[in-house]
Amino acid sequence: MAKILAIVGSPRKESTYKLVKAAAEAAEEMGVEVELVWLGGYEVNPCSGCSDYCEKSGECRIRDGMSELYGKMVEADAIIIGTPTYFWGVSGILKNFIDRSLPLYYTGGLKGKLGASISVAEENGHNEALDAVSSFYQLHEMREVGGVSVVRVGPVSEAQLEAARALGRMVAERLLRSG
């Protein structure tokens, strides 16, 4: 069965969480297995820059929540990443996650998987956050299939939730067609 890993790159369970969850539920309704991961529930320390170790061993020497997440990423056929916009970029915890994916870069563990993204901003910077996630997908030689950018004042709207659901359905359709 096709599997999507839906990653909430926010330290809080607010707008980004709701949008990623909506995308995940829509994909699940189409018959795709989905695992929702909230990075706020994991300890994801910054990369220490010891890329020689990662390159030679294919592993990270830091032992924290990422140790569990590597396997989840490799097992998934697609990854949906959602992030709030912090200073026109991704959240700190998502930046740590992206940097710590280096062992999978060296092993090619994500190559060919599908990727989609969701960014949330109150005013600006949402496109830059999407670009950062897109760069992650490109570096890992993943196939990016789309993204949703939400600029909001107040609670997430039904139209914004529907855009996230449409993204989840699109990822699921691509997986079901290919597999």
Foldseek 3Di string as FASTA:
>chain_A
DAEEEEEEQDLDCAQQVLLSVLLQVLLVVVPYHYDYHYLNVWDQDAQPPPLVCLLVPLAGPDDIRVVVVLVVQLPHLEYEYEAEADPLEGDPSVVSVLRRCSSCLNVLSNAAGEYEYEYEYQADNQVSHRVVVVVSCVSSNYHYDYYYYYHDDDHDDPVSSVVSNVVSNVSSVVVVVVD
